[in-house]
PDB file of all heavy atoms in Angstrom:
ATOM      1  N   ASN A   1     -15.925 113.490 134.176  1.00  0.00           N
ATOM      2  CA  ASN A   1     -16.241 113.276 132.819  1.00  0.00           C
ATOM      3  C   ASN A   1     -15.490 111.982 132.230  1.00  0.00           C
ATOM      4  O   ASN A   1     -14.310 111.826 132.601  1.00  0.00           O
ATOM      5  CB  ASN A   1     -15.801 114.537 131.952  1.00  0.00           C
ATOM      6  CG  ASN A   1     -16.672 114.596 130.746  1.00  0.00           C
ATOM      7  OD1 ASN A   1     -17.442 113.656 130.272  1.00  0.00           O
ATOM      8  ND2 ASN A   1     -16.592 115.698 129.984  1.00  0.00           N
ATOM      9  N   GLY A   2     -16.143 111.238 131.556  1.00  0.00           N
ATOM     10  CA  GLY A   2     -15.462 110.027 131.022  1.00  0.00           C
ATOM     11  C   GLY A   2     -15.793 108.683 131.678  1.00  0.00           C
ATOM     12  O   GLY A   2     -16.568 108.741 132.648  1.00  0.00           O
ATOM     13  N   ALA A   3     -15.217 107.674 131.227  1.00  0.00           N
ATOM     14  CA  ALA A   3     -15.477 106.237 131.803  1.00  0.00           C
ATOM     15  C   ALA A   3     -14.615 106.021 133.050  1.00  0.00           C
ATOM     16  O   ALA A   3     -13.670 106.785 133.366  1.00  0.00           O
ATOM     17  CB  ALA A   3     -15.188 105.181 130.664  1.00  0.00           C
ATOM     18  N   GLU A   4     -14.965 104.906 133.708  1.00  0.00           N
ATOM     19  CA  GLU A   4     -14.285 104.582 134.947  1.00  0.00           C
ATOM     20  C   GLU A   4     -12.972 103.940 134.655  1.00  0.00           C
ATOM     21  O   GLU A   4     -12.071 103.861 135.562  1.00  0.00           O
ATOM     22  CB  GLU A   4     -15.163 103.587 135.747  1.00  0.00           C
ATOM     23  CG  GLU A   4     -16.352 104.221 136.285  1.00  0.00           C
ATOM     24  CD  GLU A   4     -17.181 103.163 137.117  1.00  0.00           C
ATOM     25  OE1 GLU A   4     -16.774 102.062 137.347  1.00  0.00           O
ATOM     26  OE2 GLU A   4     -18.244 103.642 137.710  1.00  0.00           O
ATOM     27  N   LYS A   5     -12.711 103.461 133.424  1.00  0.00           N
ATOM     28  CA  LYS A   5     -11.391 102.919 133.017  1.00  0.00           C
ATOM     29  C   LYS A   5     -11.028 103.493 131.667  1.00  0.00           C
ATOM     30  O   LYS A   5     -11.987 103.835 130.883  1.00  0.00           O
ATOM     31  CB  LYS A   5     -11.450 101.359 132.910  1.00  0.00           C
ATOM     32  CG  LYS A   5     -11.713 100.721 134.247  1.00  0.00           C
ATOM     33  CD  LYS A   5     -11.587  99.214 134.040  1.00  0.00           C
ATOM     34  CE  LYS A   5     -11.795  98.445 135.416  1.00  0.00           C
ATOM     35  NZ  LYS A   5     -11.621  97.011 135.276  1.00  0.00           N
ATOM     36  N   GLY A   6      -9.770 103.661 131.315  1.00  0.00           N
ATOM     37  CA  GLY A   6      -9.486 104.175 130.134  1.00  0.00           C
ATOM     38  C   GLY A   6      -7.919 104.298 129.888  1.00  0.00           C
ATOM     39  O   GLY A   6      -7.129 103.794 130.698  1.00  0.00           O
ATOM     40  N   LYS A   7      -7.511 105.039 128.769  1.00  0.00           N
ATOM     41  CA  LYS A   7      -6.151 105.261 128.502  1.00  0.00           C
ATOM     42  C   LYS A   7      -5.455 106.319 129.483  1.00  0.00           C
ATOM     43  O   LYS A   7      -4.413 106.152 130.006  1.00  0.00           O
ATOM     44  CB  LYS A   7      -6.005 105.655 127.030  1.00  0.00           C
ATOM     45  CG  LYS A   7      -6.483 104.790 126.051  1.00  0.00           C
ATOM     46  CD  LYS A   7      -5.405 103.662 125.835  1.00  0.00           C
ATOM     47  CE  LYS A   7      -5.863 102.639 124.693  1.00  0.00           C
ATOM     48  NZ  LYS A   7      -4.901 101.538 124.543  1.00  0.00           N
ATOM     49  N   ILE A   8      -6.204 107.417 129.606  1.00  0.00           N
ATOM     50  CA  ILE A   8      -5.530 108.616 130.329  1.00  0.00           C
ATOM     51  C   ILE A   8      -6.571 109.151 131.327  1.00  0.00           C
ATOM     52  O   ILE A   8      -7.698 109.399 130.974  1.00  0.00           O
ATOM     53  CB  ILE A   8      -5.043 109.749 129.414  1.00  0.00           C
ATOM     54  CG1 ILE A   8      -3.905 109.251 128.465  1.00  0.00           C
ATOM     55  CG2 ILE A   8      -4.710 110.944 130.102  1.00  0.00           C
ATOM     56  CD1 ILE A   8      -3.370 110.306 127.609  1.00  0.00           C
ATOM     57  N   LEU A   9      -6.051 109.230 132.519  1.00  0.00           N
ATOM     58  CA  LEU A   9      -6.861 110.022 133.520  1.00  0.00           C
ATOM     59  C   LEU A   9      -6.214 111.326 133.746  1.00  0.00           C
ATOM     60  O   LEU A   9      -5.029 111.461 134.080  1.00  0.00           O
ATOM     61  CB  LEU A   9      -6.853 109.296 134.886  1.00  0.00           C
ATOM     62  CG  LEU A   9      -7.598 109.971 136.049  1.00  0.00           C
ATOM     63  CD1 LEU A   9      -9.140 110.073 135.826  1.00  0.00           C
ATOM     64  CD2 LEU A   9      -7.333 109.191 137.304  1.00  0.00           C
ATOM     65  N   VAL A  10      -7.006 112.435 133.614  1.00  0.00           N
ATOM     66  CA  VAL A  10      -6.455 113.756 133.850  1.00  0.00           C
ATOM     67  C   VAL A  10      -6.973 114.185 135.215  1.00  0.00           C
ATOM     68  O   VAL A  10      -8.134 114.278 135.418  1.00  0.00           O
ATOM     69  CB  VAL A  10      -7.049 114.771 132.770  1.00  0.00           C
ATOM     70  CG1 VAL A  10      -6.373 116.114 133.047  1.00  0.00           C
ATOM     71  CG2 VAL A  10      -6.699 114.282 131.380  1.00  0.00           C
ATOM     72  N   ILE A  11      -6.066 114.452 136.150  1.00  0.00           N
ATOM     73  CA  ILE A  11      -6.356 114.822 137.425  1.00  0.00           C
ATOM     74  C   ILE A  11      -5.981 116.321 137.582  1.00  0.00           C
ATOM     75  O   ILE A  11      -4.873 116.746 137.328  1.00  0.00           O
ATOM     76  CB  ILE A  11      -5.457 114.099 138.489  1.00  0.00           C
ATOM     77  CG1 ILE A  11      -5.715 112.559 138.410  1.00  0.00           C
ATOM     78  CG2 ILE A  11      -5.805 114.560 139.997  1.00  0.00           C
ATOM     79  CD1 ILE A  11      -4.908 111.778 139.420  1.00  0.00           C
ATOM     80  N   GLY A  12      -6.989 117.121 138.038  1.00  0.00           N
ATOM     81  CA  GLY A  12      -6.930 118.495 138.229  1.00  0.00           C
ATOM     82  C   GLY A  12      -7.318 118.976 139.628  1.00  0.00           C
ATOM     83  O   GLY A  12      -7.977 118.180 140.361  1.00  0.00           O
ATOM     84  N   TRP A  13      -7.026 120.250 139.919  1.00  0.00           N
ATOM     85  CA  TRP A  13      -7.543 120.801 141.142  1.00  0.00           C
ATOM     86  C   TRP A  13      -7.682 122.272 140.941  1.00  0.00           C
ATOM     87  O   TRP A  13      -6.914 122.825 139.974  1.00  0.00           O
ATOM     88  CB  TRP A  13      -6.584 120.532 142.310  1.00  0.00           C
ATOM     89  CG  TRP A  13      -5.243 121.193 142.295  1.00  0.00           C
ATOM     90  CD1 TRP A  13      -4.214 120.710 141.527  1.00  0.00           C
ATOM     91  CD2 TRP A  13      -4.764 122.361 142.927  1.00  0.00           C
ATOM     92  NE1 TRP A  13      -3.038 121.576 141.729  1.00  0.00           N
ATOM     93  CE2 TRP A  13      -3.383 122.579 142.622  1.00  0.00           C
ATOM     94  CE3 TRP A  13      -5.409 123.246 143.849  1.00  0.00           C
ATOM     95  CZ2 TRP A  13      -2.680 123.683 143.046  1.00  0.00           C
ATOM     96  CZ3 TRP A  13      -4.633 124.378 144.316  1.00  0.00           C
ATOM     97  CH2 TRP A  13      -3.299 124.477 143.988  1.00  0.00           C
ATOM     98  N   GLY A  14      -8.497 122.981 141.600  1.00  0.00           N
ATOM     99  CA  GLY A  14      -8.576 124.378 141.539  1.00  0.00           C
ATOM    100  C   GLY A  14      -9.014 124.912 140.140  1.00  0.00           C
ATOM    101  O   GLY A  14      -9.885 124.279 139.515  1.00  0.00           O
ATOM    102  N   SER A  15      -8.566 126.006 139.729  1.00  0.00           N
ATOM    103  CA  SER A  15      -9.143 126.807 138.611  1.00  0.00           C
ATOM    104  C   SER A  15      -8.805 126.195 137.275  1.00  0.00           C
ATOM    105  O   SER A  15      -9.214 126.766 136.277  1.00  0.00           O
ATOM    106  CB  SER A  15      -8.585 128.190 138.672  1.00  0.00           C
ATOM    107  OG  SER A  15      -7.147 128.221 138.548  1.00  0.00           O
ATOM    108  N   THR A  16      -8.019 125.047 137.234  1.00  0.00           N
ATOM    109  CA  THR A  16      -7.824 124.368 135.935  1.00  0.00           C
ATOM    110  C   THR A  16      -9.131 123.667 135.535  1.00  0.00           C
ATOM    111  O   THR A  16      -9.210 123.049 134.419  1.00  0.00           O
ATOM    112  CB  THR A  16      -6.771 123.361 136.083  1.00  0.00           C
ATOM    113  OG1 THR A  16      -6.977 122.490 137.081  1.00  0.00           O
ATOM    114  CG2 THR A  16      -5.353 124.074 136.358  1.00  0.00           C
ATOM    115  N   TYR A  17     -10.181 123.660 136.322  1.00  0.00           N
ATOM    116  CA  TYR A  17     -11.311 122.808 136.093  1.00  0.00           C
ATOM    117  C   TYR A  17     -11.985 123.103 134.669  1.00  0.00           C
ATOM    118  O   TYR A  17     -12.207 122.191 133.966  1.00  0.00           O
ATOM    119  CB  TYR A  17     -12.333 123.113 137.152  1.00  0.00           C
ATOM    120  CG  TYR A  17     -13.649 122.419 136.940  1.00  0.00           C
ATOM    121  CD1 TYR A  17     -13.794 121.012 137.293  1.00  0.00           C
ATOM    122  CD2 TYR A  17     -14.766 123.037 136.394  1.00  0.00           C
ATOM    123  CE1 TYR A  17     -14.972 120.353 137.040  1.00  0.00           C
ATOM    124  CE2 TYR A  17     -16.050 122.405 136.239  1.00  0.00           C
ATOM    125  CZ  TYR A  17     -16.146 121.081 136.553  1.00  0.00           C
ATOM    126  OH  TYR A  17     -17.270 120.343 136.287  1.00  0.00           O
ATOM    127  N   GLY A  18     -12.276 124.318 134.442  1.00  0.00           N
ATOM    128  CA  GLY A  18     -12.990 124.679 133.146  1.00  0.00           C
ATOM    129  C   GLY A  18     -12.205 124.268 131.956  1.00  0.00           C
ATOM    130  O   GLY A  18     -12.806 123.619 131.012  1.00  0.00           O
ATOM    131  N   ALA A  19     -10.927 124.513 131.909  1.00  0.00           N
ATOM    132  CA  ALA A  19     -10.096 124.112 130.724  1.00  0.00           C
ATOM    133  C   ALA A  19      -9.965 122.576 130.518  1.00  0.00           C
ATOM    134  O   ALA A  19     -10.162 122.061 129.467  1.00  0.00           O
ATOM    135  CB  ALA A  19      -8.778 124.701 130.845  1.00  0.00           C
ATOM    136  N   ILE A  20      -9.824 121.913 131.722  1.00  0.00           N
ATOM    137  CA  ILE A  20      -9.750 120.445 131.604  1.00  0.00           C
ATOM    138  C   ILE A  20     -11.096 119.803 131.199  1.00  0.00           C
ATOM    139  O   ILE A  20     -11.091 118.974 130.357  1.00  0.00           O
ATOM    140  CB  ILE A  20      -9.261 119.786 132.990  1.00  0.00           C
ATOM    141  CG1 ILE A  20      -7.816 120.425 133.318  1.00  0.00           C
ATOM    142  CG2 ILE A  20      -9.255 118.330 132.985  1.00  0.00           C
ATOM    143  CD1 ILE A  20      -7.362 119.906 134.691  1.00  0.00           C
ATOM    144  N   LYS A  21     -12.144 120.277 131.889  1.00  0.00           N
ATOM    145  CA  LYS A  21     -13.436 119.776 131.509  1.00  0.00           C
ATOM    146  C   LYS A  21     -13.773 119.955 130.020  1.00  0.00           C
ATOM    147  O   LYS A  21     -14.180 119.032 129.413  1.00  0.00           O
ATOM    148  CB  LYS A  21     -14.533 120.425 132.370  1.00  0.00           C
ATOM    149  CG  LYS A  21     -15.917 119.828 132.149  1.00  0.00           C
ATOM    150  CD  LYS A  21     -16.935 120.462 133.025  1.00  0.00           C
ATOM    151  CE  LYS A  21     -18.244 119.858 132.979  1.00  0.00           C
ATOM    152  NZ  LYS A  21     -18.322 118.496 133.552  1.00  0.00           N
ATOM    153  N   SER A  22     -13.552 121.181 129.497  1.00  0.00           N
ATOM    154  CA  SER A  22     -13.827 121.456 128.055  1.00  0.00           C
ATOM    155  C   SER A  22     -12.964 120.533 127.194  1.00  0.00           C
ATOM    156  O   SER A  22     -13.449 120.069 126.154  1.00  0.00           O
ATOM    157  CB  SER A  22     -13.564 122.882 127.839  1.00  0.00           C
ATOM    158  OG  SER A  22     -14.402 123.733 128.631  1.00  0.00           O
ATOM    159  N   ALA A  23     -11.640 120.433 127.541  1.00  0.00           N
ATOM    160  CA  ALA A  23     -10.720 119.619 126.642  1.00  0.00           C
ATOM    161  C   ALA A  23     -11.167 118.156 126.678  1.00  0.00           C
ATOM    162  O   ALA A  23     -11.197 117.480 125.618  1.00  0.00           O
ATOM    163  CB  ALA A  23      -9.281 119.809 127.162  1.00  0.00           C
ATOM    164  N   VAL A  24     -11.430 117.620 127.853  1.00  0.00           N
ATOM    165  CA  VAL A  24     -11.777 116.111 127.980  1.00  0.00           C
ATOM    166  C   VAL A  24     -13.065 115.849 127.279  1.00  0.00           C
ATOM    167  O   VAL A  24     -13.249 114.940 126.504  1.00  0.00           O
ATOM    168  CB  VAL A  24     -11.723 115.756 129.420  1.00  0.00           C
ATOM    169  CG1 VAL A  24     -12.293 114.368 129.541  1.00  0.00           C
ATOM    170  CG2 VAL A  24     -10.390 115.748 130.039  1.00  0.00           C
ATOM    171  N   ALA A  25     -14.063 116.813 127.431  1.00  0.00           N
ATOM    172  CA  ALA A  25     -15.362 116.552 126.782  1.00  0.00           C
ATOM    173  C   ALA A  25     -15.208 116.524 125.228  1.00  0.00           C
ATOM    174  O   ALA A  25     -15.733 115.759 124.502  1.00  0.00           O
ATOM    175  CB  ALA A  25     -16.306 117.752 127.131  1.00  0.00           C
ATOM    176  N   GLU A  26     -14.321 117.452 124.676  1.00  0.00           N
ATOM    177  CA  GLU A  26     -14.032 117.534 123.268  1.00  0.00           C
ATOM    178  C   GLU A  26     -13.368 116.191 122.748  1.00  0.00           C
ATOM    179  O   GLU A  26     -13.815 115.606 121.761  1.00  0.00           O
ATOM    180  CB  GLU A  26     -13.253 118.581 122.946  1.00  0.00           C
ATOM    181  CG  GLU A  26     -12.992 118.863 121.335  1.00  0.00           C
ATOM    182  CD  GLU A  26     -12.172 120.113 121.107  1.00  0.00           C
ATOM    183  OE1 GLU A  26     -12.714 121.163 121.395  1.00  0.00           O
ATOM    184  OE2 GLU A  26     -11.067 120.035 120.622  1.00  0.00           O
ATOM    185  N   LEU A  27     -12.430 115.692 123.556  1.00  0.00           N
ATOM    186  CA  LEU A  27     -11.746 114.450 123.144  1.00  0.00           C
ATOM    187  C   LEU A  27     -12.600 113.244 123.243  1.00  0.00           C
ATOM    188  O   LEU A  27     -12.468 112.334 122.531  1.00  0.00           O
ATOM    189  CB  LEU A  27     -10.464 114.278 123.983  1.00  0.00           C
ATOM    190  CG  LEU A  27      -9.370 115.333 123.720  1.00  0.00           C
ATOM    191  CD1 LEU A  27      -8.347 115.322 124.808  1.00  0.00           C
ATOM    192  CD2 LEU A  27      -8.759 115.241 122.385  1.00  0.00           C
ATOM    193  N   ILE A  28     -13.503 113.259 124.223  1.00  0.00           N
ATOM    194  CA  ILE A  28     -14.410 112.086 124.460  1.00  0.00           C
ATOM    195  C   ILE A  28     -15.293 112.004 123.130  1.00  0.00           C
ATOM    196  O   ILE A  28     -15.611 110.978 122.525  1.00  0.00           O
ATOM    197  CB  ILE A  28     -15.228 112.168 125.740  1.00  0.00           C
ATOM    198  CG1 ILE A  28     -14.341 111.932 126.870  1.00  0.00           C
ATOM    199  CG2 ILE A  28     -16.424 111.204 125.647  1.00  0.00           C
ATOM    200  CD1 ILE A  28     -15.020 112.213 128.181  1.00  0.00           C
ATOM    201  N   LYS A  29     -15.765 113.218 122.709  1.00  0.00           N
ATOM    202  CA  LYS A  29     -16.552 113.258 121.413  1.00  0.00           C
ATOM    203  C   LYS A  29     -15.862 112.772 120.210  1.00  0.00           C
ATOM    204  O   LYS A  29     -16.503 112.162 119.342  1.00  0.00           O
ATOM    205  CB  LYS A  29     -17.044 114.657 121.285  1.00  0.00           C
ATOM    206  CG  LYS A  29     -18.188 115.112 122.111  1.00  0.00           C
ATOM    207  CD  LYS A  29     -18.666 116.645 121.712  1.00  0.00           C
ATOM    208  CE  LYS A  29     -19.717 117.033 122.603  1.00  0.00           C
ATOM    209  NZ  LYS A  29     -20.257 118.442 122.233  1.00  0.00           N
ATOM    210  N   GLU A  30     -14.554 112.936 120.258  1.00  0.00           N
ATOM    211  CA  GLU A  30     -13.738 112.466 119.125  1.00  0.00           C
ATOM    212  C   GLU A  30     -13.388 110.927 119.270  1.00  0.00           C
ATOM    213  O   GLU A  30     -12.669 110.361 118.424  1.00  0.00           O
ATOM    214  CB  GLU A  30     -12.465 113.280 119.069  1.00  0.00           C
ATOM    215  CG  GLU A  30     -12.656 114.748 118.595  1.00  0.00           C
ATOM    216  CD  GLU A  30     -11.403 115.600 118.597  1.00  0.00           C
ATOM    217  OE1 GLU A  30     -10.352 114.981 118.584  1.00  0.00           O
ATOM    218  OE2 GLU A  30     -11.603 116.783 118.618  1.00  0.00           O
ATOM    219  N   GLY A  31     -13.797 110.401 120.385  1.00  0.00           N
ATOM    220  CA  GLY A  31     -13.594 108.853 120.553  1.00  0.00           C
ATOM    221  C   GLY A  31     -12.404 108.485 121.429  1.00  0.00           C
ATOM    222  O   GLY A  31     -12.061 107.249 121.397  1.00  0.00           O
ATOM    223  N   TYR A  32     -11.751 109.383 122.055  1.00  0.00           N
ATOM    224  CA  TYR A  32     -10.585 109.098 122.883  1.00  0.00           C
ATOM    225  C   TYR A  32     -10.909 108.578 124.210  1.00  0.00           C
ATOM    226  O   TYR A  32     -11.987 109.051 124.742  1.00  0.00           O
ATOM    227  CB  TYR A  32      -9.667 110.287 123.042  1.00  0.00           C
ATOM    228  CG  TYR A  32      -8.975 110.797 121.685  1.00  0.00           C
ATOM    229  CD1 TYR A  32      -9.517 111.828 120.992  1.00  0.00           C
ATOM    230  CD2 TYR A  32      -7.852 110.134 121.196  1.00  0.00           C
ATOM    231  CE1 TYR A  32      -8.853 112.318 119.864  1.00  0.00           C
ATOM    232  CE2 TYR A  32      -7.225 110.621 120.157  1.00  0.00           C
ATOM    233  CZ  TYR A  32      -7.762 111.575 119.406  1.00  0.00           C
ATOM    234  OH  TYR A  32      -7.160 112.073 118.276  1.00  0.00           O
ATOM    235  N   ALA A  33     -10.249 107.670 124.757  1.00  0.00           N
ATOM    236  CA  ALA A  33     -10.581 107.073 126.105  1.00  0.00           C
ATOM    237  C   ALA A  33      -9.872 107.873 127.174  1.00  0.00           C
ATOM    238  O   ALA A  33      -8.870 107.442 127.759  1.00  0.00           O
ATOM    239  CB  ALA A  33     -10.044 105.581 126.103  1.00  0.00           C
ATOM    240  N   VAL A  34     -10.453 109.058 127.435  1.00  0.00           N
ATOM    241  CA  VAL A  34      -9.895 109.942 128.412  1.00  0.00           C
ATOM    242  C   VAL A  34     -10.918 110.297 129.480  1.00  0.00           C
ATOM    243  O   VAL A  34     -12.103 110.416 129.101  1.00  0.00           O
ATOM    244  CB  VAL A  34      -9.511 111.302 127.677  1.00  0.00           C
ATOM    245  CG1 VAL A  34      -8.933 112.308 128.702  1.00  0.00           C
ATOM    246  CG2 VAL A  34      -8.552 111.050 126.545  1.00  0.00           C
ATOM    247  N   SER A  35     -10.495 110.445 130.695  1.00  0.00           N
ATOM    248  CA  SER A  35     -11.406 110.725 131.709  1.00  0.00           C
ATOM    249  C   SER A  35     -10.864 111.925 132.603  1.00  0.00           C
ATOM    250  O   SER A  35      -9.630 112.138 132.534  1.00  0.00           O
ATOM    251  CB  SER A  35     -11.682 109.606 132.684  1.00  0.00           C
ATOM    252  OG  SER A  35     -12.428 108.532 131.935  1.00  0.00           O
ATOM    253  N   HIS A  36     -11.654 112.447 133.350  1.00  0.00           N
ATOM    254  CA  HIS A  36     -11.238 113.632 134.196  1.00  0.00           C
ATOM    255  C   HIS A  36     -11.757 113.588 135.622  1.00  0.00           C
ATOM    256  O   HIS A  36     -12.900 113.246 135.850  1.00  0.00           O
ATOM    257  CB  HIS A  36     -11.910 114.931 133.496  1.00  0.00           C
ATOM    258  CG  HIS A  36     -11.752 116.235 134.352  1.00  0.00           C
ATOM    259  ND1 HIS A  36     -12.588 117.264 134.272  1.00  0.00           N
ATOM    260  CD2 HIS A  36     -10.872 116.617 135.293  1.00  0.00           C
ATOM    261  CE1 HIS A  36     -12.236 118.183 135.038  1.00  0.00           C
ATOM    262  NE2 HIS A  36     -11.157 117.912 135.693  1.00  0.00           N
ATOM    263  N   VAL A  37     -10.876 113.723 136.532  1.00  0.00           N
ATOM    264  CA  VAL A  37     -11.097 113.804 137.921  1.00  0.00           C
ATOM    265  C   VAL A  37     -10.702 115.124 138.471  1.00  0.00           C
ATOM    266  O   VAL A  37      -9.544 115.561 138.128  1.00  0.00           O
ATOM    267  CB  VAL A  37     -10.362 112.642 138.712  1.00  0.00           C
ATOM    268  CG1 VAL A  37     -10.132 113.036 140.209  1.00  0.00           C
ATOM    269  CG2 VAL A  37     -11.128 111.337 138.666  1.00  0.00           C
ATOM    270  N   HIS A  38     -11.519 115.815 139.259  1.00  0.00           N
ATOM    271  CA  HIS A  38     -11.107 117.094 139.810  1.00  0.00           C
ATOM    272  C   HIS A  38     -11.200 117.123 141.293  1.00  0.00           C
ATOM    273  O   HIS A  38     -12.349 116.683 141.865  1.00  0.00           O
ATOM    274  CB  HIS A  38     -11.957 118.249 139.191  1.00  0.00           C
ATOM    275  CG  HIS A  38     -11.185 119.503 139.041  1.00  0.00           C
ATOM    276  ND1 HIS A  38     -10.291 119.669 137.916  1.00  0.00           N
ATOM    277  CD2 HIS A  38     -11.008 120.665 139.752  1.00  0.00           C
ATOM    278  CE1 HIS A  38      -9.794 120.845 138.059  1.00  0.00           C
ATOM    279  NE2 HIS A  38     -10.136 121.460 139.111  1.00  0.00           N
ATOM    280  N   LEU A  39     -10.252 117.470 141.987  1.00  0.00           N
ATOM    281  CA  LEU A  39     -10.108 117.308 143.497  1.00  0.00           C
ATOM    282  C   LEU A  39     -10.582 118.506 144.150  1.00  0.00           C
ATOM    283  O   LEU A  39     -10.196 119.641 143.951  1.00  0.00           O
ATOM    284  CB  LEU A  39      -8.662 117.059 143.884  1.00  0.00           C
ATOM    285  CG  LEU A  39      -8.044 115.792 143.227  1.00  0.00           C
ATOM    286  CD1 LEU A  39      -6.591 115.683 143.686  1.00  0.00           C
ATOM    287  CD2 LEU A  39      -8.790 114.426 143.560  1.00  0.00           C
ATOM    288  N   ARG A  40     -11.512 118.300 145.101  1.00  0.00           N
ATOM    289  CA  ARG A  40     -11.819 119.393 146.081  1.00  0.00           C
ATOM    290  C   ARG A  40     -11.097 119.130 147.373  1.00  0.00           C
ATOM    291  O   ARG A  40     -10.609 120.029 147.943  1.00  0.00           O
ATOM    292  CB  ARG A  40     -13.353 119.317 146.397  1.00  0.00           C
ATOM    293  CG  ARG A  40     -13.721 120.176 147.614  1.00  0.00           C
ATOM    294  CD  ARG A  40     -15.237 120.375 147.819  1.00  0.00           C
ATOM    295  NE  ARG A  40     -15.779 121.243 146.747  1.00  0.00           N
ATOM    296  CZ  ARG A  40     -17.001 121.584 146.651  1.00  0.00           C
ATOM    297  NH1 ARG A  40     -17.906 120.999 147.510  1.00  0.00           N
ATOM    298  NH2 ARG A  40     -17.469 122.366 145.750  1.00  0.00           N
ATOM    299  N   TYR A  41     -10.914 117.841 147.813  1.00  0.00           N
ATOM    300  CA  TYR A  41     -10.291 117.511 149.017  1.00  0.00           C
ATOM    301  C   TYR A  41      -8.884 117.054 148.641  1.00  0.00           C
ATOM    302  O   TYR A  41      -8.720 115.993 147.995  1.00  0.00           O
ATOM    303  CB  TYR A  41     -10.934 116.372 149.704  1.00  0.00           C
ATOM    304  CG  TYR A  41     -12.468 116.703 150.033  1.00  0.00           C
ATOM    305  CD1 TYR A  41     -13.463 116.285 149.163  1.00  0.00           C
ATOM    306  CD2 TYR A  41     -12.813 117.420 151.117  1.00  0.00           C
ATOM    307  CE1 TYR A  41     -14.851 116.573 149.385  1.00  0.00           C
ATOM    308  CE2 TYR A  41     -14.175 117.657 151.424  1.00  0.00           C
ATOM    309  CZ  TYR A  41     -15.213 117.252 150.465  1.00  0.00           C
ATOM    310  OH  TYR A  41     -16.439 117.565 150.747  1.00  0.00           O
ATOM    311  N   ILE A  42      -7.854 117.823 149.052  1.00  0.00           N
ATOM    312  CA  ILE A  42      -6.560 117.600 148.711  1.00  0.00           C
ATOM    313  C   ILE A  42      -5.781 116.941 149.918  1.00  0.00           C
ATOM    314  O   ILE A  42      -4.799 116.206 149.796  1.00  0.00           O
ATOM    315  CB  ILE A  42      -5.821 118.859 148.159  1.00  0.00           C
ATOM    316  CG1 ILE A  42      -6.547 119.300 146.903  1.00  0.00           C
ATOM    317  CG2 ILE A  42      -4.396 118.534 147.764  1.00  0.00           C
ATOM    318  CD1 ILE A  42      -5.974 120.576 146.332  1.00  0.00           C
ATOM    319  N   ARG A  43      -6.131 117.298 151.085  1.00  0.00           N
ATOM    320  CA  ARG A  43      -5.774 116.608 152.378  1.00  0.00           C
ATOM    321  C   ARG A  43      -6.835 116.572 153.227  1.00  0.00           C
ATOM    322  O   ARG A  43      -7.356 117.543 153.793  1.00  0.00           O
ATOM    323  CB  ARG A  43      -4.609 117.400 152.907  1.00  0.00           C
ATOM    324  CG  ARG A  43      -3.859 116.577 154.090  1.00  0.00           C
ATOM    325  CD  ARG A  43      -2.564 117.296 154.501  1.00  0.00           C
ATOM    326  NE  ARG A  43      -1.790 116.362 155.192  1.00  0.00           N
ATOM    327  CZ  ARG A  43      -0.566 116.595 155.698  1.00  0.00           C
ATOM    328  NH1 ARG A  43      -0.042 117.799 155.434  1.00  0.00           N
ATOM    329  NH2 ARG A  43       0.213 115.715 156.338  1.00  0.00           N
ATOM    330  N   PRO A  44      -7.292 115.370 153.641  1.00  0.00           N
ATOM    331  CA  PRO A  44      -6.836 114.106 153.001  1.00  0.00           C
ATOM    332  C   PRO A  44      -7.608 113.885 151.706  1.00  0.00           C
ATOM    333  O   PRO A  44      -8.594 114.508 151.417  1.00  0.00           O
ATOM    334  CB  PRO A  44      -7.363 113.018 153.988  1.00  0.00           C
ATOM    335  CG  PRO A  44      -8.586 113.687 154.693  1.00  0.00           C
ATOM    336  CD  PRO A  44      -8.276 115.190 154.662  1.00  0.00           C
ATOM    337  N   PHE A  45      -6.978 113.104 150.858  1.00  0.00           N
ATOM    338  CA  PHE A  45      -7.712 112.639 149.584  1.00  0.00           C
ATOM    339  C   PHE A  45      -8.876 111.762 149.929  1.00  0.00           C
ATOM    340  O   PHE A  45      -8.911 111.114 150.905  1.00  0.00           O
ATOM    341  CB  PHE A  45      -6.728 111.867 148.690  1.00  0.00           C
ATOM    342  CG  PHE A  45      -5.563 112.691 148.160  1.00  0.00           C
ATOM    343  CD1 PHE A  45      -4.181 112.308 148.240  1.00  0.00           C
ATOM    344  CD2 PHE A  45      -5.828 113.827 147.443  1.00  0.00           C
ATOM    345  CE1 PHE A  45      -3.210 113.040 147.653  1.00  0.00           C
ATOM    346  CE2 PHE A  45      -4.768 114.576 146.768  1.00  0.00           C
ATOM    347  CZ  PHE A  45      -3.505 114.180 147.004  1.00  0.00           C
TER     348      PHE A  45
END
C-alpha cells in the first residue's frame, strides 16, 4: 500500500499485516506519504 517513494516505509512480517495495512490505508487517505511492505520471504529477502 502506498507510493514507491515517500516519508515513511512501514516494514512488517507475519500477523502484524492487518493492523499495519489498516493504519497505513487510513493515513494515506489523510494525505500522509506512508507506504507498507509486508515480508513473506525473510531468508533470503
